[in-house]
Amino acid sequence: MLVSGDASVSGSPGDQTPSRERTVNAAVEANAGVPVTEILKHDLYAALWWPSIDAGIVRAGDLRSWRVQPAFIRGSLHVPPGCEKVAGLMALYCQLVNDLEAPPLIRSAMAHWAFETIHPYPDGNGRIGRLLMNLLLGADGQPWITIVVDEGAEYFSALQRAQVDEEFGPWGRFLAR
C-alpha cells in the first residue's frame, strides 16, 4: 500500500526494506492499469520521501499537496507557473495525459515534459516526472528509459528547449535514443 487518503504509510517505522525498493515496488503496484491521478502523483511523491517520513523529519500528510511557494529551477531559463495555478494545471495534466491517444513514447515524453514544466512540488519533480514517464511506458509494455548522470546536461538542455523555445525535436530525439 502507498500513502492512503488518511496519510498513513505501509510498514512500520522499523521496516528494513530500503526506501528505493519500496518506492519502485509501490510505483509498479500503483500503475497496474491505473490511470494517472492526483492521488497517484501524491503517493509517489510521499514514497520518494519515505526516508524523511521514517526519520520523523516530515509527516506523510505534509507531502500530499502541491507547492505553495514560487519555484525557481537553478540553471534553467524556464520559470514554472505560480503556485496559485498549480492545482488547476495538475487537474488538467491528469485529464490530458489520460486522454492523449498517441504512441507510448510520445505520450510518456509529453507527460514528463508537462510535469516538469508545471513543477508542482517544492523538490523531487525530476525524479517523479521520470518515474511517471516510465510507469506510462511500462503500462504499455515498453522498456523504461534510463537517464544516466553522464547524460544530465543533454537531458536538461533538451527539456529546456522544449519548455522555453517550444522546440520538441531535441527532447524527442533524446528520449528515443
Protein backbone atom coordinates (compact mmCIF):
# COMPACT_ATOMS: atom_id res chain seq x y z
CA MET A 1 0.00 0.00 0.00
CA LEU A 2 1.17 3.53 -0.70
CA VAL A 3 0.22 6.57 1.29
CA SER A 4 -3.52 6.35 1.81
CA GLY A 5 -6.04 9.15 1.94
CA ASP A 6 -5.52 9.37 5.71
CA ALA A 7 -1.79 9.98 5.19
CA SER A 8 -0.54 6.71 6.67
CA VAL A 9 2.28 4.68 5.22
CA SER A 10 2.66 0.97 4.87
CA GLY A 11 5.06 -0.89 7.05
CA SER A 12 6.27 0.15 10.44
CA PRO A 13 8.95 2.66 11.44
CA GLY A 14 11.28 -0.32 11.87
CA ASP A 15 10.65 -1.60 8.33
CA GLN A 16 14.08 -2.61 6.98
CA THR A 17 13.10 -2.55 3.30
CA PRO A 18 15.30 0.06 1.56
CA SER A 19 13.27 3.14 0.64
CA ARG A 20 14.28 2.96 -3.04
CA GLU A 21 12.95 -0.59 -3.24
CA ARG A 22 9.71 0.41 -1.51
CA THR A 23 9.30 3.34 -3.87
CA VAL A 24 9.78 1.24 -7.01
CA ASN A 25 7.56 -1.56 -5.70
CA ALA A 26 4.87 0.93 -4.79
CA ALA A 27 5.10 2.63 -8.18
CA VAL A 28 4.83 -0.63 -10.10
CA GLU A 29 1.91 -1.74 -7.91
CA ALA A 30 0.19 1.62 -8.32
CA ASN A 31 0.44 1.58 -12.11
CA ALA A 32 -1.16 -1.82 -12.66
CA GLY A 33 -3.63 -0.43 -15.18
CA VAL A 34 -4.47 2.62 -13.06
CA PRO A 35 -4.78 6.00 -14.79
CA VAL A 36 -2.57 8.91 -13.78
CA THR A 37 -4.37 10.73 -10.96
CA GLU A 38 -3.53 13.37 -8.40
CA ILE A 39 -3.64 10.65 -5.74
CA LEU A 40 -1.10 8.54 -7.67
CA LYS A 41 1.26 11.50 -8.02
CA HIS A 42 0.97 12.39 -4.33
CA ASP A 43 1.51 8.73 -3.38
CA LEU A 44 4.67 8.54 -5.49
CA TYR A 45 5.92 11.81 -4.05
CA ALA A 46 5.39 10.59 -0.48
CA ALA A 47 7.10 7.29 -1.37
CA LEU A 48 10.08 9.24 -2.70
CA TRP A 49 10.45 10.94 0.66
CA TRP A 50 9.94 7.80 2.82
CA PRO A 51 13.36 8.15 4.49
CA SER A 52 12.34 11.59 5.77
CA ILE A 53 8.99 10.21 6.90
CA ASP A 54 10.68 7.25 8.58
CA ALA A 55 13.13 9.58 10.33
CA GLY A 56 10.29 11.74 11.65
CA ILE A 57 11.52 14.81 9.76
CA VAL A 58 8.26 15.23 7.85
CA ARG A 59 4.75 13.85 8.19
CA ALA A 60 3.37 11.83 5.29
CA GLY A 61 0.31 14.08 5.19
CA ASP A 62 2.53 17.10 4.53
CA LEU A 63 3.59 15.52 1.23
CA ARG A 64 0.09 15.23 -0.20
CA SER A 65 -0.29 18.71 -1.62
CA TRP A 66 1.18 20.90 -4.33
CA ARG A 67 3.83 23.52 -3.69
CA VAL A 68 2.72 26.74 -2.04
CA GLN A 69 5.83 28.80 -2.82
CA PRO A 70 7.24 30.14 -6.10
CA ALA A 71 9.55 27.70 -7.87
CA PHE A 72 12.87 28.53 -9.43
CA ILE A 73 14.97 25.95 -11.23
CA ARG A 74 18.66 26.60 -10.78
CA GLY A 75 20.47 26.88 -14.11
CA SER A 76 17.27 26.90 -16.18
CA LEU A 77 15.62 29.66 -18.19
CA HIS A 78 12.22 28.04 -17.55
CA VAL A 79 10.12 29.69 -14.85
CA PRO A 80 7.35 27.39 -13.58
CA PRO A 81 3.83 28.80 -13.17
CA GLY A 82 2.86 30.48 -9.92
CA CYS A 83 1.80 28.25 -7.05
CA GLU A 84 -1.79 29.56 -7.26
CA LYS A 85 -2.08 27.90 -10.71
CA VAL A 86 -0.60 24.50 -9.84
CA ALA A 87 -3.76 22.73 -8.59
CA GLY A 88 -5.73 23.60 -11.72
CA LEU A 89 -2.83 22.76 -14.01
CA MET A 90 -2.32 19.38 -12.34
CA ALA A 91 -6.01 18.52 -12.71
CA LEU A 92 -5.72 19.41 -16.40
CA TYR A 93 -2.46 17.44 -16.60
CA CYS A 94 -4.21 14.27 -15.38
CA GLN A 95 -7.02 14.69 -17.89
CA LEU A 96 -4.69 15.35 -20.82
CA VAL A 97 -2.27 12.51 -20.01
CA ASN A 98 -5.09 10.02 -19.61
CA ASP A 99 -6.95 11.18 -22.74
CA LEU A 100 -3.92 11.55 -25.04
CA GLU A 101 -4.08 9.00 -27.82
CA ALA A 102 -0.52 8.77 -29.04
CA PRO A 103 2.21 6.16 -29.34
CA PRO A 104 3.65 5.22 -25.91
CA LEU A 105 6.93 7.12 -26.31
CA ILE A 106 5.20 10.33 -27.39
CA ARG A 107 2.58 10.08 -24.63
CA SER A 108 5.17 9.41 -21.93
CA ALA A 109 7.53 12.13 -23.24
CA MET A 110 4.73 14.68 -23.24
CA ALA A 111 3.63 13.59 -19.76
CA HIS A 112 7.16 14.02 -18.44
CA TRP A 113 7.65 17.38 -20.17
CA ALA A 114 4.32 18.74 -18.88
CA PHE A 115 5.01 17.56 -15.33
CA GLU A 116 8.43 19.22 -15.30
CA THR A 117 7.02 22.37 -16.87
CA ILE A 118 4.38 22.74 -14.15
CA HIS A 119 6.92 21.75 -11.45
CA PRO A 120 4.20 21.01 -8.85
CA TYR A 121 6.35 20.08 -5.84
CA PRO A 122 8.99 22.00 -3.92
CA ASP A 123 11.57 19.27 -4.59
CA GLY A 124 11.83 15.93 -6.38
CA ASN A 125 9.95 16.95 -9.54
CA GLY A 126 12.54 15.45 -11.89
CA ARG A 127 12.51 12.09 -10.12
CA ILE A 128 8.72 11.92 -10.05
CA GLY A 129 8.43 13.11 -13.67
CA ARG A 130 10.87 10.45 -14.88
CA LEU A 131 9.08 7.80 -12.82
CA LEU A 132 5.69 8.80 -14.27
CA MET A 133 7.19 8.67 -17.78
CA ASN A 134 8.49 5.17 -17.13
CA LEU A 135 5.28 3.97 -15.50
CA LEU A 136 3.38 5.04 -18.62
CA LEU A 137 5.91 3.24 -20.82
CA GLY A 138 5.74 0.11 -18.65
CA ALA A 139 1.94 0.12 -18.67
CA ASP A 140 2.15 -0.03 -22.48
CA GLY A 141 4.67 -2.87 -22.39
CA GLN A 142 7.57 -0.63 -23.42
CA PRO A 143 11.03 -0.61 -21.80
CA TRP A 144 11.84 2.10 -19.30
CA ILE A 145 14.11 4.99 -20.27
CA THR A 146 17.19 5.31 -18.09
CA ILE A 147 18.88 8.69 -17.94
CA VAL A 148 22.35 8.26 -16.51
CA VAL A 149 24.31 11.02 -14.77
CA ASP A 150 26.64 11.50 -17.75
CA GLU A 151 23.59 12.41 -19.88
CA GLY A 152 22.31 15.04 -17.44
CA ALA A 153 23.47 18.09 -19.39
CA GLU A 154 21.95 16.80 -22.64
CA TYR A 155 18.72 15.83 -20.82
CA PHE A 156 18.33 19.27 -19.19
CA SER A 157 19.23 21.09 -22.41
CA ALA A 158 16.63 19.15 -24.43
CA LEU A 159 13.99 19.65 -21.73
CA GLN A 160 14.70 23.38 -21.50
CA ARG A 161 14.47 23.78 -25.29
CA ALA A 162 11.02 22.17 -25.17
CA GLN A 163 9.94 24.29 -22.20
CA VAL A 164 11.33 27.67 -23.23
CA ASP A 165 11.58 27.55 -27.03
CA GLU A 166 8.75 25.06 -27.71
CA GLU A 167 11.31 23.11 -29.71
CA PHE A 168 10.40 19.47 -29.06
CA GLY A 169 12.69 17.77 -31.60
CA PRO A 170 15.73 17.56 -29.28
CA TRP A 171 13.50 16.32 -26.42
CA GLY A 172 12.00 13.55 -28.52
CA ARG A 173 15.35 12.54 -30.03
CA PHE A 174 16.97 12.39 -26.59
CA LEU A 175 14.27 10.13 -25.17
CA ALA A 176 14.08 7.94 -28.29
CA ARG A 177 17.83 7.25 -28.44
